[in-house]
Amino acid sequence: MLPTSETKLSSWDDLNCPPRRPPPGHPGRGPPPFPRRQADTALLADASEGFTPADIKQAARTVAQAVFERTLDTGTRAQPTTEDFLRTISRTRPTVTTEMALEFADHTNRYGRS
């Protein structure tokens, strides 16, 4: 079965969480937190119908690369926007089709332990 809207929203929201602090003595601080107000995660969850959490992470990586390149091109630190994510989602094919999800659900019902 494909992820529910709640699961997808949770995946998008997880990408908004600031990174954990590195352990003491660790030289790096990690990337800055994703600006929470820059993207409408509820809209992204609706737009990513059929996406798995892995598909969502891949879309986020693609947006991060595009934003990085935009920062280099303009010389000004760019932030990801809802439009960046929607553009990437529209160009991304989910890895699990509806037919595959239905077949998996059927196999689970037929052969799964009860």
C-alpha atoms as a PDB file:
ATOM      1  CA  MET A   1       0.000   0.000   0.000  1.00  0.00           C
ATOM      2  CA  LEU A   2       1.242   3.479  -0.819  1.00  0.00           C
ATOM      3  CA  PRO A   3       1.981   5.894   2.021  1.00  0.00           C
ATOM      4  CA  THR A   4      -0.928   7.922   3.350  1.00  0.00           C
ATOM      5  CA  SER A   5      -1.015  11.712   3.230  1.00  0.00           C
ATOM      6  CA  GLU A   6      -0.101  11.723   6.925  1.00  0.00           C
ATOM      7  CA  THR A   7       2.963   9.565   6.297  1.00  0.00           C
ATOM      8  CA  LYS A   8       4.063  11.779   3.414  1.00  0.00           C
ATOM      9  CA  LEU A   9       3.507  14.930   5.476  1.00  0.00           C
ATOM     10  CA  SER A  10       5.624  13.391   8.219  1.00  0.00           C
ATOM     11  CA  SER A  11       8.385  12.656   5.685  1.00  0.00           C
ATOM     12  CA  TRP A  12       8.319  16.241   4.402  1.00  0.00           C
ATOM     13  CA  ASP A  13       8.264  17.585   7.970  1.00  0.00           C
ATOM     14  CA  ASP A  14      11.218  15.352   8.907  1.00  0.00           C
ATOM     15  CA  LEU A  15      13.236  17.173   6.272  1.00  0.00           C
ATOM     16  CA  ASN A  16      12.459  20.427   8.094  1.00  0.00           C
ATOM     17  CA  CYS A  17      13.978  19.264  11.380  1.00  0.00           C
ATOM     18  CA  PRO A  18      17.221  20.960  12.329  1.00  0.00           C
ATOM     19  CA  PRO A  19      20.226  18.648  12.397  1.00  0.00           C
ATOM     20  CA  ARG A  20      21.267  17.146  15.718  1.00  0.00           C
ATOM     21  CA  ARG A  21      24.233  18.699  17.441  1.00  0.00           C
ATOM     22  CA  PRO A  22      27.464  16.893  16.604  1.00  0.00           C
ATOM     23  CA  PRO A  23      29.154  14.983  19.407  1.00  0.00           C
ATOM     24  CA  PRO A  24      31.814  16.848  21.420  1.00  0.00           C
ATOM     25  CA  GLY A  25      35.072  17.088  19.537  1.00  0.00           C
ATOM     26  CA  HIS A  26      33.415  16.639  16.131  1.00  0.00           C
ATOM     27  CA  PRO A  27      34.905  19.220  13.744  1.00  0.00           C
ATOM     28  CA  GLY A  28      31.786  19.839  11.642  1.00  0.00           C
ATOM     29  CA  ARG A  29      28.572  21.526  12.625  1.00  0.00           C
ATOM     30  CA  GLY A  30      26.449  20.061   9.841  1.00  0.00           C
ATOM     31  CA  PRO A  31      24.228  21.925   7.430  1.00  0.00           C
ATOM     32  CA  PRO A  32      22.042  24.744   8.645  1.00  0.00           C
ATOM     33  CA  PRO A  33      18.451  23.753   9.385  1.00  0.00           C
ATOM     34  CA  PHE A  34      15.986  23.841   6.530  1.00  0.00           C
ATOM     35  CA  PRO A  35      13.946  27.037   6.930  1.00  0.00           C
ATOM     36  CA  ARG A  36      10.583  25.730   8.050  1.00  0.00           C
ATOM     37  CA  ARG A  37       8.507  28.559   6.636  1.00  0.00           C
ATOM     38  CA  GLN A  38      10.031  28.400   3.173  1.00  0.00           C
ATOM     39  CA  ALA A  39       8.009  25.399   1.988  1.00  0.00           C
ATOM     40  CA  ASP A  40       4.391  24.408   2.487  1.00  0.00           C
ATOM     41  CA  THR A  41       4.777  20.786   3.560  1.00  0.00           C
ATOM     42  CA  ALA A  42       1.033  20.078   3.449  1.00  0.00           C
ATOM     43  CA  LEU A  43       0.968  21.171  -0.198  1.00  0.00           C
ATOM     44  CA  LEU A  44       4.067  19.071  -0.914  1.00  0.00           C
ATOM     45  CA  ALA A  45       2.433  16.015   0.684  1.00  0.00           C
ATOM     46  CA  ASP A  46      -0.599  16.444  -1.578  1.00  0.00           C
ATOM     47  CA  ALA A  47       1.574  16.986  -4.661  1.00  0.00           C
ATOM     48  CA  SER A  48       3.713  13.904  -4.017  1.00  0.00           C
ATOM     49  CA  GLU A  49       0.892  11.399  -4.459  1.00  0.00           C
ATOM     50  CA  GLY A  50       2.316   7.891  -4.769  1.00  0.00           C
ATOM     51  CA  PHE A  51       5.764   8.873  -3.458  1.00  0.00           C
ATOM     52  CA  THR A  52       7.493   6.693  -0.907  1.00  0.00           C
ATOM     53  CA  PRO A  53       9.585   8.281   1.862  1.00  0.00           C
ATOM     54  CA  ALA A  54      12.666   7.421  -0.222  1.00  0.00           C
ATOM     55  CA  ASP A  55      11.165   9.266  -3.220  1.00  0.00           C
ATOM     56  CA  ILE A  56      10.579  12.297  -1.001  1.00  0.00           C
ATOM     57  CA  LYS A  57      14.170  12.234   0.249  1.00  0.00           C
ATOM     58  CA  GLN A  58      15.440  12.015  -3.334  1.00  0.00           C
ATOM     59  CA  ALA A  59      13.291  14.997  -4.332  1.00  0.00           C
ATOM     60  CA  ALA A  60      14.686  16.942  -1.381  1.00  0.00           C
ATOM     61  CA  ARG A  61      18.256  16.088  -2.421  1.00  0.00           C
ATOM     62  CA  THR A  62      17.515  17.267  -5.957  1.00  0.00           C
ATOM     63  CA  VAL A  63      16.132  20.560  -4.633  1.00  0.00           C
ATOM     64  CA  ALA A  64      19.145  20.990  -2.329  1.00  0.00           C
ATOM     65  CA  GLN A  65      21.486  20.596  -5.302  1.00  0.00           C
ATOM     66  CA  ALA A  66      19.487  23.095  -7.387  1.00  0.00           C
ATOM     67  CA  VAL A  67      19.461  25.624  -4.542  1.00  0.00           C
ATOM     68  CA  PHE A  68      23.217  25.160  -4.038  1.00  0.00           C
ATOM     69  CA  GLU A  69      23.812  25.778  -7.740  1.00  0.00           C
ATOM     70  CA  ARG A  70      21.556  28.856  -7.636  1.00  0.00           C
ATOM     71  CA  THR A  71      23.604  30.148  -4.682  1.00  0.00           C
ATOM     72  CA  LEU A  72      26.812  29.696  -6.668  1.00  0.00           C
ATOM     73  CA  ASP A  73      25.332  31.331  -9.772  1.00  0.00           C
ATOM     74  CA  THR A  74      23.957  34.388  -7.968  1.00  0.00           C
ATOM     75  CA  GLY A  75      26.537  34.794  -5.221  1.00  0.00           C
ATOM     76  CA  THR A  76      23.660  35.137  -2.743  1.00  0.00           C
ATOM     77  CA  ARG A  77      22.626  32.349  -0.412  1.00  0.00           C
ATOM     78  CA  ALA A  78      19.397  30.918  -1.852  1.00  0.00           C
ATOM     79  CA  GLN A  79      16.724  29.154   0.153  1.00  0.00           C
ATOM     80  CA  PRO A  80      14.488  26.348  -1.124  1.00  0.00           C
ATOM     81  CA  THR A  81      10.913  27.364  -1.842  1.00  0.00           C
ATOM     82  CA  THR A  82       7.667  25.488  -2.279  1.00  0.00           C
ATOM     83  CA  GLU A  83       7.943  26.164  -6.026  1.00  0.00           C
ATOM     84  CA  ASP A  84      11.390  24.491  -6.111  1.00  0.00           C
ATOM     85  CA  PHE A  85       9.919  21.370  -4.549  1.00  0.00           C
ATOM     86  CA  LEU A  86       6.793  21.378  -6.733  1.00  0.00           C
ATOM     87  CA  ARG A  87       8.926  21.695  -9.872  1.00  0.00           C
ATOM     88  CA  THR A  88      11.074  18.750  -8.762  1.00  0.00           C
ATOM     89  CA  ILE A  89       8.049  16.653  -7.771  1.00  0.00           C
ATOM     90  CA  SER A  90       6.478  17.230 -11.189  1.00  0.00           C
ATOM     91  CA  ARG A  91       9.650  15.881 -12.837  1.00  0.00           C
ATOM     92  CA  THR A  92      10.004  12.868 -10.537  1.00  0.00           C
ATOM     93  CA  ARG A  93       8.475   9.466 -11.193  1.00  0.00           C
ATOM     94  CA  PRO A  94       7.488   7.519  -8.066  1.00  0.00           C
ATOM     95  CA  THR A  95       9.382   4.244  -7.682  1.00  0.00           C
ATOM     96  CA  VAL A  96       6.244   2.294  -6.736  1.00  0.00           C
ATOM     97  CA  THR A  97       3.310   2.400  -9.125  1.00  0.00           C
ATOM     98  CA  THR A  98      -0.275   2.043  -7.965  1.00  0.00           C
ATOM     99  CA  GLU A  99      -0.402  -1.382  -9.636  1.00  0.00           C
ATOM    100  CA  MET A 100       2.705  -2.513  -7.760  1.00  0.00           C
ATOM    101  CA  ALA A 101       1.245  -1.310  -4.441  1.00  0.00           C
ATOM    102  CA  LEU A 102      -2.025  -3.144  -5.104  1.00  0.00           C
ATOM    103  CA  GLU A 103      -0.171  -6.323  -6.043  1.00  0.00           C
ATOM    104  CA  PHE A 104       1.922  -6.106  -2.880  1.00  0.00           C
ATOM    105  CA  ALA A 105      -1.213  -5.568  -0.773  1.00  0.00           C
ATOM    106  CA  ASP A 106      -2.842  -8.589  -2.448  1.00  0.00           C
ATOM    107  CA  HIS A 107       0.214 -10.758  -1.729  1.00  0.00           C
ATOM    108  CA  THR A 108       0.226  -9.560   1.863  1.00  0.00           C
ATOM    109  CA  ASN A 109      -3.426 -10.511   2.260  1.00  0.00           C
ATOM    110  CA  ARG A 110      -2.982 -13.888   0.562  1.00  0.00           C
ATOM    111  CA  TYR A 111       0.310 -15.038   2.000  1.00  0.00           C
ATOM    112  CA  GLY A 112       0.856 -12.950   5.108  1.00  0.00           C
ATOM    113  CA  ARG A 113       0.581 -14.335   8.582  1.00  0.00           C
ATOM    114  CA  SER A 114      -2.657 -13.644  10.343  1.00  0.00           C
END
